[in-house]
Amino acid sequence: MEKLKEKLPYLLINIGIFYLLPTLMKDTGSAMIILLILMPLGCFLTSLAYGVKNSFSWLYPIFVMLIFLPSIFIYYNESAMIYVFAYGFISLLGSFVGDRVFRKI
């Protein structure tokens, strides 16, 4: 339970990224900018901050993947399923870099 409490603020930010940013979509172009640039950048920066503040955890990217999953059926279609793994990898990379690189400083 304690491990979940340390992840919760970062996961709440990811919820905001995954569920509030898509409300700004007006057309296909803005949807692509949000899905391919803003969401990955927000996910990476949040994961980087998590890695700096806490140690690396395999559970964090899994939670990020699970958080994004329902948004596929709310805002997108099944073709966006690949982004579950993409955002999971981005959060894995961000938390690893935050822990291994920036935490040492």
PDB file of N, CA and C in Angstrom:
ATOM      1  N   MET A   1       0.818  -1.192   0.000  1.00  0.00           N
ATOM      2  CA  MET A   1       0.000   0.000   0.000  1.00  0.00           C
ATOM      3  C   MET A   1       0.867   1.262   0.000  1.00  0.00           C
ATOM      4  N   GLU A   2       1.954   1.213   0.723  1.00  0.00           N
ATOM      5  CA  GLU A   2       2.864   2.364   0.782  1.00  0.00           C
ATOM      6  C   GLU A   2       3.467   2.657  -0.589  1.00  0.00           C
ATOM      7  N   LYS A   3       3.775   1.600  -1.339  1.00  0.00           N
ATOM      8  CA  LYS A   3       4.338   1.770  -2.682  1.00  0.00           C
ATOM      9  C   LYS A   3       3.339   2.441  -3.613  1.00  0.00           C
ATOM     10  N   LEU A   4       2.057   2.121  -3.455  1.00  0.00           N
ATOM     11  CA  LEU A   4       1.033   2.747  -4.284  1.00  0.00           C
ATOM     12  C   LEU A   4       0.884   4.225  -3.943  1.00  0.00           C
ATOM     13  N   LYS A   5       1.016   4.573  -2.669  1.00  0.00           N
ATOM     14  CA  LYS A   5       0.901   5.973  -2.252  1.00  0.00           C
ATOM     15  C   LYS A   5       1.992   6.847  -2.856  1.00  0.00           C
ATOM     16  N   GLU A   6       3.191   6.285  -3.032  1.00  0.00           N
ATOM     17  CA  GLU A   6       4.268   7.084  -3.628  1.00  0.00           C
ATOM     18  C   GLU A   6       4.074   7.256  -5.137  1.00  0.00           C
ATOM     19  N   LYS A   7       3.330   6.356  -5.762  1.00  0.00           N
ATOM     20  CA  LYS A   7       3.062   6.442  -7.194  1.00  0.00           C
ATOM     21  C   LYS A   7       1.838   7.301  -7.503  1.00  0.00           C
ATOM     22  N   LEU A   8       0.936   7.420  -6.558  1.00  0.00           N
ATOM     23  CA  LEU A   8      -0.359   8.041  -6.796  1.00  0.00           C
ATOM     24  C   LEU A   8      -0.300   9.462  -7.367  1.00  0.00           C
ATOM     25  N   PRO A   9       0.507  10.384  -6.846  1.00  0.00           N
ATOM     26  CA  PRO A   9       0.512  11.733  -7.443  1.00  0.00           C
ATOM     27  C   PRO A   9       0.921  11.731  -8.910  1.00  0.00           C
ATOM     28  N   TYR A  10       1.868  10.887  -9.267  1.00  0.00           N
ATOM     29  CA  TYR A  10       2.343  10.811 -10.646  1.00  0.00           C
ATOM     30  C   TYR A  10       1.306  10.146 -11.542  1.00  0.00           C
ATOM     31  N   LEU A  11       0.613   9.162 -11.007  1.00  0.00           N
ATOM     32  CA  LEU A  11      -0.434   8.506 -11.776  1.00  0.00           C
ATOM     33  C   LEU A  11      -1.629   9.439 -11.985  1.00  0.00           C
ATOM     34  N   LEU A  12      -1.917  10.282 -11.015  1.00  0.00           N
ATOM     35  CA  LEU A  12      -3.002  11.260 -11.172  1.00  0.00           C
ATOM     36  C   LEU A  12      -2.663  12.269 -12.269  1.00  0.00           C
ATOM     37  N   ILE A  13      -1.413  12.657 -12.364  1.00  0.00           N
ATOM     38  CA  ILE A  13      -0.993  13.546 -13.449  1.00  0.00           C
ATOM     39  C   ILE A  13      -1.172  12.840 -14.787  1.00  0.00           C
ATOM     40  N   ASN A  14      -0.808  11.563 -14.839  1.00  0.00           N
ATOM     41  CA  ASN A  14      -1.007  10.803 -16.071  1.00  0.00           C
ATOM     42  C   ASN A  14      -2.490  10.675 -16.417  1.00  0.00           C
ATOM     43  N   ILE A  15      -3.336  10.533 -15.430  1.00  0.00           N
ATOM     44  CA  ILE A  15      -4.773  10.492 -15.693  1.00  0.00           C
ATOM     45  C   ILE A  15      -5.213  11.803 -16.333  1.00  0.00           C
ATOM     46  N   GLY A  16      -4.715  12.907 -15.809  1.00  0.00           N
ATOM     47  CA  GLY A  16      -5.022  14.205 -16.411  1.00  0.00           C
ATOM     48  C   GLY A  16      -4.534  14.298 -17.845  1.00  0.00           C
ATOM     49  N   ILE A  17      -3.337  13.805 -18.085  1.00  0.00           N
ATOM     50  CA  ILE A  17      -2.779  13.833 -19.434  1.00  0.00           C
ATOM     51  C   ILE A  17      -3.610  12.973 -20.382  1.00  0.00           C
ATOM     52  N   PHE A  18      -3.956  11.781 -19.963  1.00  0.00           N
ATOM     53  CA  PHE A  18      -4.645  10.832 -20.838  1.00  0.00           C
ATOM     54  C   PHE A  18      -6.125  11.138 -21.041  1.00  0.00           C
ATOM     55  N   TYR A  19      -6.747  11.835 -20.082  1.00  0.00           N
ATOM     56  CA  TYR A  19      -8.190  12.039 -20.173  1.00  0.00           C
ATOM     57  C   TYR A  19      -8.603  13.495 -20.382  1.00  0.00           C
ATOM     58  N   LEU A  20      -7.738  14.447 -20.077  1.00  0.00           N
ATOM     59  CA  LEU A  20      -8.096  15.847 -20.299  1.00  0.00           C
ATOM     60  C   LEU A  20      -7.551  16.379 -21.624  1.00  0.00           C
ATOM     61  N   LEU A  21      -6.352  15.982 -21.999  1.00  0.00           N
ATOM     62  CA  LEU A  21      -5.792  16.447 -23.274  1.00  0.00           C
ATOM     63  C   LEU A  21      -6.657  16.067 -24.480  1.00  0.00           C
ATOM     64  N   PRO A  22      -7.211  14.861 -24.542  1.00  0.00           N
ATOM     65  CA  PRO A  22      -8.035  14.529 -25.713  1.00  0.00           C
ATOM     66  C   PRO A  22      -9.285  15.399 -25.867  1.00  0.00           C
ATOM     67  N   THR A  23      -9.702  16.059 -24.814  1.00  0.00           N
ATOM     68  CA  THR A  23     -10.862  16.945 -24.951  1.00  0.00           C
ATOM     69  C   THR A  23     -10.528  18.184 -25.784  1.00  0.00           C
ATOM     70  N   LEU A  24      -9.252  18.434 -26.019  1.00  0.00           N
ATOM     71  CA  LEU A  24      -8.823  19.565 -26.834  1.00  0.00           C
ATOM     72  C   LEU A  24      -8.780  19.232 -28.322  1.00  0.00           C
ATOM     73  N   MET A  25      -9.041  17.986 -28.672  1.00  0.00           N
ATOM     74  CA  MET A  25      -8.991  17.564 -30.070  1.00  0.00           C
ATOM     75  C   MET A  25     -10.143  18.194 -30.853  1.00  0.00           C
ATOM     76  N   LYS A  26      -9.788  18.845 -31.962  1.00  0.00           N
ATOM     77  CA  LYS A  26     -10.802  19.460 -32.810  1.00  0.00           C
ATOM     78  C   LYS A  26     -10.887  18.767 -34.159  1.00  0.00           C
ATOM     79  N   ASP A  27      -9.755  18.298 -34.639  1.00  0.00           N
ATOM     80  CA  ASP A  27      -9.704  17.613 -35.920  1.00  0.00           C
ATOM     81  C   ASP A  27      -8.606  16.561 -35.872  1.00  0.00           C
ATOM     82  N   THR A  28      -8.359  15.915 -36.991  1.00  0.00           N
ATOM     83  CA  THR A  28      -7.361  14.849 -37.031  1.00  0.00           C
ATOM     84  C   THR A  28      -5.959  15.379 -36.752  1.00  0.00           C
ATOM     85  N   GLY A  29      -5.653  16.566 -37.228  1.00  0.00           N
ATOM     86  CA  GLY A  29      -4.322  17.144 -37.005  1.00  0.00           C
ATOM     87  C   GLY A  29      -4.041  17.385 -35.534  1.00  0.00           C
ATOM     88  N   SER A  30      -4.998  17.974 -34.852  1.00  0.00           N
ATOM     89  CA  SER A  30      -4.795  18.224 -33.419  1.00  0.00           C
ATOM     90  C   SER A  30      -4.771  16.910 -32.639  1.00  0.00           C
ATOM     91  N   ALA A  31      -5.541  15.937 -33.091  1.00  0.00           N
ATOM     92  CA  ALA A  31      -5.521  14.629 -32.432  1.00  0.00           C
ATOM     93  C   ALA A  31      -4.146  13.979 -32.564  1.00  0.00           C
ATOM     94  N   MET A  32      -3.530  14.099 -33.711  1.00  0.00           N
ATOM     95  CA  MET A  32      -2.206  13.508 -33.925  1.00  0.00           C
ATOM     96  C   MET A  32      -1.145  14.231 -33.094  1.00  0.00           C
ATOM     97  N   ILE A  33      -1.250  15.544 -32.986  1.00  0.00           N
ATOM     98  CA  ILE A  33      -0.295  16.299 -32.158  1.00  0.00           C
ATOM     99  C   ILE A  33      -0.424  15.879 -30.698  1.00  0.00           C
ATOM    100  N   ILE A  34      -1.639  15.742 -30.239  1.00  0.00           N
ATOM    101  CA  ILE A  34      -1.864  15.343 -28.847  1.00  0.00           C
ATOM    102  C   ILE A  34      -1.390  13.914 -28.614  1.00  0.00           C
ATOM    103  N   LEU A  35      -1.760  13.004 -29.495  1.00  0.00           N
ATOM    104  CA  LEU A  35      -1.464  11.586 -29.317  1.00  0.00           C
ATOM    105  C   LEU A  35       0.009  11.251 -29.537  1.00  0.00           C
ATOM    106  N   LEU A  36       0.667  11.960 -30.450  1.00  0.00           N
ATOM    107  CA  LEU A  36       2.040  11.615 -30.813  1.00  0.00           C
ATOM    108  C   LEU A  36       3.109  12.513 -30.197  1.00  0.00           C
ATOM    109  N   ILE A  37       2.713  13.689 -29.703  1.00  0.00           N
ATOM    110  CA  ILE A  37       3.719  14.608 -29.145  1.00  0.00           C
ATOM    111  C   ILE A  37       3.426  14.943 -27.687  1.00  0.00           C
ATOM    112  N   LEU A  38       2.249  15.502 -27.422  1.00  0.00           N
ATOM    113  CA  LEU A  38       1.974  16.007 -26.073  1.00  0.00           C
ATOM    114  C   LEU A  38       1.833  14.902 -25.032  1.00  0.00           C
ATOM    115  N   MET A  39       1.100  13.852 -25.361  1.00  0.00           N
ATOM    116  CA  MET A  39       0.936  12.757 -24.392  1.00  0.00           C
ATOM    117  C   MET A  39       2.253  12.030 -24.111  1.00  0.00           C
ATOM    118  N   PRO A  40       3.026  11.671 -25.137  1.00  0.00           N
ATOM    119  CA  PRO A  40       4.309  11.019 -24.824  1.00  0.00           C
ATOM    120  C   PRO A  40       5.253  11.925 -24.035  1.00  0.00           C
ATOM    121  N   LEU A  41       5.271  13.212 -24.373  1.00  0.00           N
ATOM    122  CA  LEU A  41       6.131  14.141 -23.646  1.00  0.00           C
ATOM    123  C   LEU A  41       5.694  14.264 -22.195  1.00  0.00           C
ATOM    124  N   GLY A  42       4.401  14.413 -21.962  1.00  0.00           N
ATOM    125  CA  GLY A  42       3.895  14.490 -20.589  1.00  0.00           C
ATOM    126  C   GLY A  42       4.148  13.204 -19.823  1.00  0.00           C
ATOM    127  N   CYS A  43       3.952  12.085 -20.486  1.00  0.00           N
ATOM    128  CA  CYS A  43       4.188  10.783 -19.856  1.00  0.00           C
ATOM    129  C   CYS A  43       5.663  10.617 -19.496  1.00  0.00           C
ATOM    130  N   PHE A  44       6.554  11.029 -20.404  1.00  0.00           N
ATOM    131  CA  PHE A  44       7.984  10.908 -20.143  1.00  0.00           C
ATOM    132  C   PHE A  44       8.413  11.819 -18.993  1.00  0.00           C
ATOM    133  N   LEU A  45       7.951  13.063 -19.002  1.00  0.00           N
ATOM    134  CA  LEU A  45       8.355  14.003 -17.946  1.00  0.00           C
ATOM    135  C   LEU A  45       7.821  13.585 -16.581  1.00  0.00           C
ATOM    136  N   THR A  46       6.599  13.083 -16.544  1.00  0.00           N
ATOM    137  CA  THR A  46       6.040  12.595 -15.290  1.00  0.00           C
ATOM    138  C   THR A  46       6.823  11.391 -14.780  1.00  0.00           C
ATOM    139  N   SER A  47       7.162  10.497 -15.683  1.00  0.00           N
ATOM    140  CA  SER A  47       7.939   9.311 -15.308  1.00  0.00           C
ATOM    141  C   SER A  47       9.352   9.680 -14.888  1.00  0.00           C
ATOM    142  N   LEU A  48       9.915  10.671 -15.545  1.00  0.00           N
ATOM    143  CA  LEU A  48      11.246  11.155 -15.178  1.00  0.00           C
ATOM    144  C   LEU A  48      11.224  11.706 -13.754  1.00  0.00           C
ATOM    145  N   ALA A  49      10.202  12.506 -13.449  1.00  0.00           N
ATOM    146  CA  ALA A  49      10.066  13.055 -12.094  1.00  0.00           C
ATOM    147  C   ALA A  49       9.864  11.941 -11.076  1.00  0.00           C
ATOM    148  N   TYR A  50       9.080  10.922 -11.446  1.00  0.00           N
ATOM    149  CA  TYR A  50       8.889   9.783 -10.555  1.00  0.00           C
ATOM    150  C   TYR A  50      10.220   9.078 -10.293  1.00  0.00           C
ATOM    151  N   GLY A  51      11.005   8.865 -11.335  1.00  0.00           N
ATOM    152  CA  GLY A  51      12.285   8.180 -11.185  1.00  0.00           C
ATOM    153  C   GLY A  51      13.274   8.959 -10.347  1.00  0.00           C
ATOM    154  N   VAL A  52      13.240  10.288 -10.458  1.00  0.00           N
ATOM    155  CA  VAL A  52      14.137  11.121  -9.649  1.00  0.00           C
ATOM    156  C   VAL A  52      13.719  11.071  -8.184  1.00  0.00           C
ATOM    157  N   LYS A  53      12.446  11.177  -7.924  1.00  0.00           N
ATOM    158  CA  LYS A  53      11.954  11.227  -6.546  1.00  0.00           C
ATOM    159  C   LYS A  53      11.961   9.859  -5.870  1.00  0.00           C
ATOM    160  N   ASN A  54      11.616   8.822  -6.618  1.00  0.00           N
ATOM    161  CA  ASN A  54      11.539   7.459  -6.085  1.00  0.00           C
ATOM    162  C   ASN A  54      12.516   6.590  -6.865  1.00  0.00           C
ATOM    163  N   SER A  55      12.712   5.409  -6.431  1.00  0.00           N
ATOM    164  CA  SER A  55      13.576   4.506  -7.190  1.00  0.00           C
ATOM    165  C   SER A  55      12.781   3.879  -8.336  1.00  0.00           C
ATOM    166  N   PHE A  56      13.491   3.280  -9.259  1.00  0.00           N
ATOM    167  CA  PHE A  56      12.865   2.629 -10.410  1.00  0.00           C
ATOM    168  C   PHE A  56      11.947   1.505  -9.947  1.00  0.00           C
ATOM    169  N   SER A  57      10.796   1.411 -10.582  1.00  0.00           N
ATOM    170  CA  SER A  57       9.838   0.363 -10.246  1.00  0.00           C
ATOM    171  C   SER A  57       9.216  -0.173 -11.527  1.00  0.00           C
ATOM    172  N   TRP A  58       9.141  -1.489 -11.640  1.00  0.00           N
ATOM    173  CA  TRP A  58       8.500  -2.115 -12.795  1.00  0.00           C
ATOM    174  C   TRP A  58       6.995  -1.909 -12.769  1.00  0.00           C
ATOM    175  N   LEU A  59       6.436  -1.681 -11.612  1.00  0.00           N
ATOM    176  CA  LEU A  59       4.988  -1.520 -11.500  1.00  0.00           C
ATOM    177  C   LEU A  59       4.489  -0.196 -12.071  1.00  0.00           C
ATOM    178  N   TYR A  60       5.301   0.834 -11.993  1.00  0.00           N
ATOM    179  CA  TYR A  60       4.860   2.149 -12.453  1.00  0.00           C
ATOM    180  C   TYR A  60       4.462   2.134 -13.935  1.00  0.00           C
ATOM    181  N   PRO A  61       5.279   1.628 -14.851  1.00  0.00           N
ATOM    182  CA  PRO A  61       4.852   1.585 -16.260  1.00  0.00           C
ATOM    183  C   PRO A  61       3.610   0.718 -16.486  1.00  0.00           C
ATOM    184  N   ILE A  62       3.461  -0.322 -15.705  1.00  0.00           N
ATOM    185  CA  ILE A  62       2.269  -1.161 -15.836  1.00  0.00           C
ATOM    186  C   ILE A  62       1.025  -0.373 -15.438  1.00  0.00           C
ATOM    187  N   PHE A  63       1.125   0.401 -14.362  1.00  0.00           N
ATOM    188  CA  PHE A  63       0.001   1.251 -13.958  1.00  0.00           C
ATOM    189  C   PHE A  63      -0.315   2.294 -15.029  1.00  0.00           C
ATOM    190  N   VAL A  64       0.721   2.864 -15.636  1.00  0.00           N
ATOM    191  CA  VAL A  64       0.510   3.842 -16.706  1.00  0.00           C
ATOM    192  C   VAL A  64      -0.235   3.192 -17.869  1.00  0.00           C
ATOM    193  N   MET A  65       0.158   1.987 -18.219  1.00  0.00           N
ATOM    194  CA  MET A  65      -0.515   1.268 -19.297  1.00  0.00           C
ATOM    195  C   MET A  65      -1.984   1.016 -18.948  1.00  0.00           C
ATOM    196  N   LEU A  66      -2.239   0.596 -17.729  1.00  0.00           N
ATOM    197  CA  LEU A  66      -3.613   0.320 -17.301  1.00  0.00           C
ATOM    198  C   LEU A  66      -4.459   1.588 -17.251  1.00  0.00           C
ATOM    199  N   ILE A  67      -3.834   2.704 -16.905  1.00  0.00           N
ATOM    200  CA  ILE A  67      -4.561   3.976 -16.860  1.00  0.00           C
ATOM    201  C   ILE A  67      -4.954   4.422 -18.270  1.00  0.00           C
ATOM    202  N   PHE A  68      -4.073   4.205 -19.245  1.00  0.00           N
ATOM    203  CA  PHE A  68      -4.371   4.645 -20.605  1.00  0.00           C
ATOM    204  C   PHE A  68      -5.413   3.766 -21.287  1.00  0.00           C
ATOM    205  N   LEU A  69      -5.466   2.522 -20.946  1.00  0.00           N
ATOM    206  CA  LEU A  69      -6.319   1.544 -21.630  1.00  0.00           C
ATOM    207  C   LEU A  69      -7.783   1.981 -21.786  1.00  0.00           C
ATOM    208  N   PRO A  70      -8.475   2.432 -20.746  1.00  0.00           N
ATOM    209  CA  PRO A  70      -9.886   2.834 -20.945  1.00  0.00           C
ATOM    210  C   PRO A  70     -10.053   4.041 -21.876  1.00  0.00           C
ATOM    211  N   SER A  71      -9.048   4.903 -21.962  1.00  0.00           N
ATOM    212  CA  SER A  71      -9.176   6.075 -22.829  1.00  0.00           C
ATOM    213  C   SER A  71      -9.259   5.689 -24.305  1.00  0.00           C
ATOM    214  N   ILE A  72      -8.754   4.519 -24.651  1.00  0.00           N
ATOM    215  CA  ILE A  72      -8.848   4.052 -26.037  1.00  0.00           C
ATOM    216  C   ILE A  72     -10.308   3.919 -26.437  1.00  0.00           C
ATOM    217  N   PHE A  73     -11.107   3.375 -25.552  1.00  0.00           N
ATOM    218  CA  PHE A  73     -12.512   3.143 -25.868  1.00  0.00           C
ATOM    219  C   PHE A  73     -13.359   4.397 -25.685  1.00  0.00           C
ATOM    220  N   ILE A  74     -12.838   5.375 -24.949  1.00  0.00           N
ATOM    221  CA  ILE A  74     -13.565   6.629 -24.748  1.00  0.00           C
ATOM    222  C   ILE A  74     -13.306   7.601 -25.902  1.00  0.00           C
ATOM    223  N   TYR A  75     -12.031   7.776 -26.285  1.00  0.00           N
ATOM    224  CA  TYR A  75     -11.668   8.810 -27.248  1.00  0.00           C
ATOM    225  C   TYR A  75     -11.242   8.280 -28.615  1.00  0.00           C
ATOM    226  N   TYR A  76     -10.734   7.077 -28.679  1.00  0.00           N
ATOM    227  CA  TYR A  76     -10.131   6.567 -29.911  1.00  0.00           C
ATOM    228  C   TYR A  76     -10.876   5.310 -30.349  1.00  0.00           C
ATOM    229  N   ASN A  77     -10.175   4.451 -31.073  1.00  0.00           N
ATOM    230  CA  ASN A  77     -10.727   3.147 -31.421  1.00  0.00           C
ATOM    231  C   ASN A  77      -9.655   2.088 -31.188  1.00  0.00           C
ATOM    232  N   GLU A  78      -9.941   0.867 -31.562  1.00  0.00           N
ATOM    233  CA  GLU A  78      -9.032  -0.247 -31.260  1.00  0.00           C
ATOM    234  C   GLU A  78      -7.656  -0.085 -31.904  1.00  0.00           C
ATOM    235  N   SER A  79      -7.571   0.707 -32.963  1.00  0.00           N
ATOM    236  CA  SER A  79      -6.272   0.888 -33.616  1.00  0.00           C
ATOM    237  C   SER A  79      -5.279   1.637 -32.720  1.00  0.00           C
ATOM    238  N   ALA A  80      -5.764   2.295 -31.692  1.00  0.00           N
ATOM    239  CA  ALA A  80      -4.891   3.015 -30.761  1.00  0.00           C
ATOM    240  C   ALA A  80      -4.340   2.105 -29.670  1.00  0.00           C
ATOM    241  N   MET A  81      -4.633   0.823 -29.732  1.00  0.00           N
ATOM    242  CA  MET A  81      -4.167  -0.121 -28.711  1.00  0.00           C
ATOM    243  C   MET A  81      -2.632  -0.161 -28.624  1.00  0.00           C
ATOM    244  N   ILE A  82      -1.957   0.104 -29.723  1.00  0.00           N
ATOM    245  CA  ILE A  82      -0.488   0.079 -29.730  1.00  0.00           C
ATOM    246  C   ILE A  82       0.088   1.145 -28.798  1.00  0.00           C
ATOM    247  N   TYR A  83      -0.666   2.218 -28.576  1.00  0.00           N
ATOM    248  CA  TYR A  83      -0.190   3.284 -27.703  1.00  0.00           C
ATOM    249  C   TYR A  83      -0.110   2.849 -26.240  1.00  0.00           C
ATOM    250  N   VAL A  84      -0.844   1.838 -25.872  1.00  0.00           N
ATOM    251  CA  VAL A  84      -0.734   1.296 -24.510  1.00  0.00           C
ATOM    252  C   VAL A  84       0.712   0.864 -24.274  1.00  0.00           C
ATOM    253  N   PHE A  85       1.250   0.132 -25.223  1.00  0.00           N
ATOM    254  CA  PHE A  85       2.620  -0.352 -25.088  1.00  0.00           C
ATOM    255  C   PHE A  85       3.641   0.766 -25.297  1.00  0.00           C
ATOM    256  N   ALA A  86       3.326   1.692 -26.184  1.00  0.00           N
ATOM    257  CA  ALA A  86       4.230   2.819 -26.419  1.00  0.00           C
ATOM    258  C   ALA A  86       4.360   3.681 -25.168  1.00  0.00           C
ATOM    259  N   TYR A  87       3.237   4.011 -24.541  1.00  0.00           N
ATOM    260  CA  TYR A  87       3.285   4.829 -23.326  1.00  0.00           C
ATOM    261  C   TYR A  87       3.875   4.050 -22.159  1.00  0.00           C
ATOM    262  N   GLY A  88       3.660   2.757 -22.133  1.00  0.00           N
ATOM    263  CA  GLY A  88       4.308   1.922 -21.118  1.00  0.00           C
ATOM    264  C   GLY A  88       5.815   1.957 -21.269  1.00  0.00           C
ATOM    265  N   PHE A  89       6.298   1.850 -22.514  1.00  0.00           N
ATOM    266  CA  PHE A  89       7.734   1.905 -22.759  1.00  0.00           C
ATOM    267  C   PHE A  89       8.301   3.283 -22.445  1.00  0.00           C
ATOM    268  N   ILE A  90       7.569   4.323 -22.816  1.00  0.00           N
ATOM    269  CA  ILE A  90       8.023   5.694 -22.532  1.00  0.00           C
ATOM    270  C   ILE A  90       8.119   5.923 -21.028  1.00  0.00           C
ATOM    271  N   SER A  91       7.140   5.441 -20.276  1.00  0.00           N
ATOM    272  CA  SER A  91       7.189   5.615 -18.818  1.00  0.00           C
ATOM    273  C   SER A  91       8.288   4.751 -18.200  1.00  0.00           C
ATOM    274  N   LEU A  92       8.527   3.587 -18.766  1.00  0.00           N
ATOM    275  CA  LEU A  92       9.635   2.738 -18.318  1.00  0.00           C
ATOM    276  C   LEU A  92      10.962   3.452 -18.534  1.00  0.00           C
ATOM    277  N   LEU A  93      11.119   4.009 -19.708  1.00  0.00           N
ATOM    278  CA  LEU A  93      12.349   4.732 -20.044  1.00  0.00           C
ATOM    279  C   LEU A  93      12.523   5.970 -19.163  1.00  0.00           C
ATOM    280  N   GLY A  94      11.446   6.725 -18.975  1.00  0.00           N
ATOM    281  CA  GLY A  94      11.530   7.936 -18.163  1.00  0.00           C
ATOM    282  C   GLY A  94      11.875   7.656 -16.717  1.00  0.00           C
ATOM    283  N   SER A  95      11.242   6.661 -16.128  1.00  0.00           N
ATOM    284  CA  SER A  95      11.536   6.353 -14.729  1.00  0.00           C
ATOM    285  C   SER A  95      12.930   5.757 -14.577  1.00  0.00           C
ATOM    286  N   PHE A  96      13.379   5.008 -15.568  1.00  0.00           N
ATOM    287  CA  PHE A  96      14.734   4.439 -15.520  1.00  0.00           C
ATOM    288  C   PHE A  96      15.775   5.540 -15.624  1.00  0.00           C
ATOM    289  N   VAL A  97      15.591   6.454 -16.567  1.00  0.00           N
ATOM    290  CA  VAL A  97      16.538   7.567 -16.723  1.00  0.00           C
ATOM    291  C   VAL A  97      16.525   8.453 -15.486  1.00  0.00           C
ATOM    292  N   GLY A  98      15.343   8.732 -14.959  1.00  0.00           N
ATOM    293  CA  GLY A  98      15.254   9.553 -13.750  1.00  0.00           C
ATOM    294  C   GLY A  98      15.977   8.933 -12.581  1.00  0.00           C
ATOM    295  N   ASP A  99      15.859   7.616 -12.443  1.00  0.00           N
ATOM    296  CA  ASP A  99      16.502   6.919 -11.334  1.00  0.00           C
ATOM    297  C   ASP A  99      18.002   6.786 -11.550  1.00  0.00           C
ATOM    298  N   ARG A 100      18.406   6.334 -12.711  1.00  0.00           N
ATOM    299  CA  ARG A 100      19.821   6.011 -12.960  1.00  0.00           C
ATOM    300  C   ARG A 100      20.681   7.212 -13.273  1.00  0.00           C
ATOM    301  N   VAL A 101      20.129   8.230 -13.903  1.00  0.00           N
ATOM    302  CA  VAL A 101      20.934   9.381 -14.336  1.00  0.00           C
ATOM    303  C   VAL A 101      20.789  10.545 -13.392  1.00  0.00           C
ATOM    304  N   PHE A 102      19.566  11.035 -13.223  1.00  0.00           N
ATOM    305  CA  PHE A 102      19.357  12.263 -12.466  1.00  0.00           C
ATOM    306  C   PHE A 102      19.338  12.071 -10.974  1.00  0.00           C
ATOM    307  N   ARG A 103      19.024  10.899 -10.517  1.00  0.00           N
ATOM    308  CA  ARG A 103      19.004  10.664  -9.066  1.00  0.00           C
ATOM    309  C   ARG A 103      20.407  10.623  -8.498  1.00  0.00           C
ATOM    310  N   LYS A 104      21.388  10.290  -9.308  1.00  0.00           N
ATOM    311  CA  LYS A 104      22.776  10.212  -8.864  1.00  0.00           C
ATOM    312  C   LYS A 104      23.383  11.595  -8.635  1.00  0.00           C
ATOM    313  N   ILE A 105      22.791  12.605  -9.290  1.00  0.00           N
ATOM    314  CA  ILE A 105      23.354  13.967  -9.212  1.00  0.00           C
ATOM    315  C   ILE A 105      23.115  14.579  -7.857  1.00  0.00           C
TER     316      ILE A 105
END
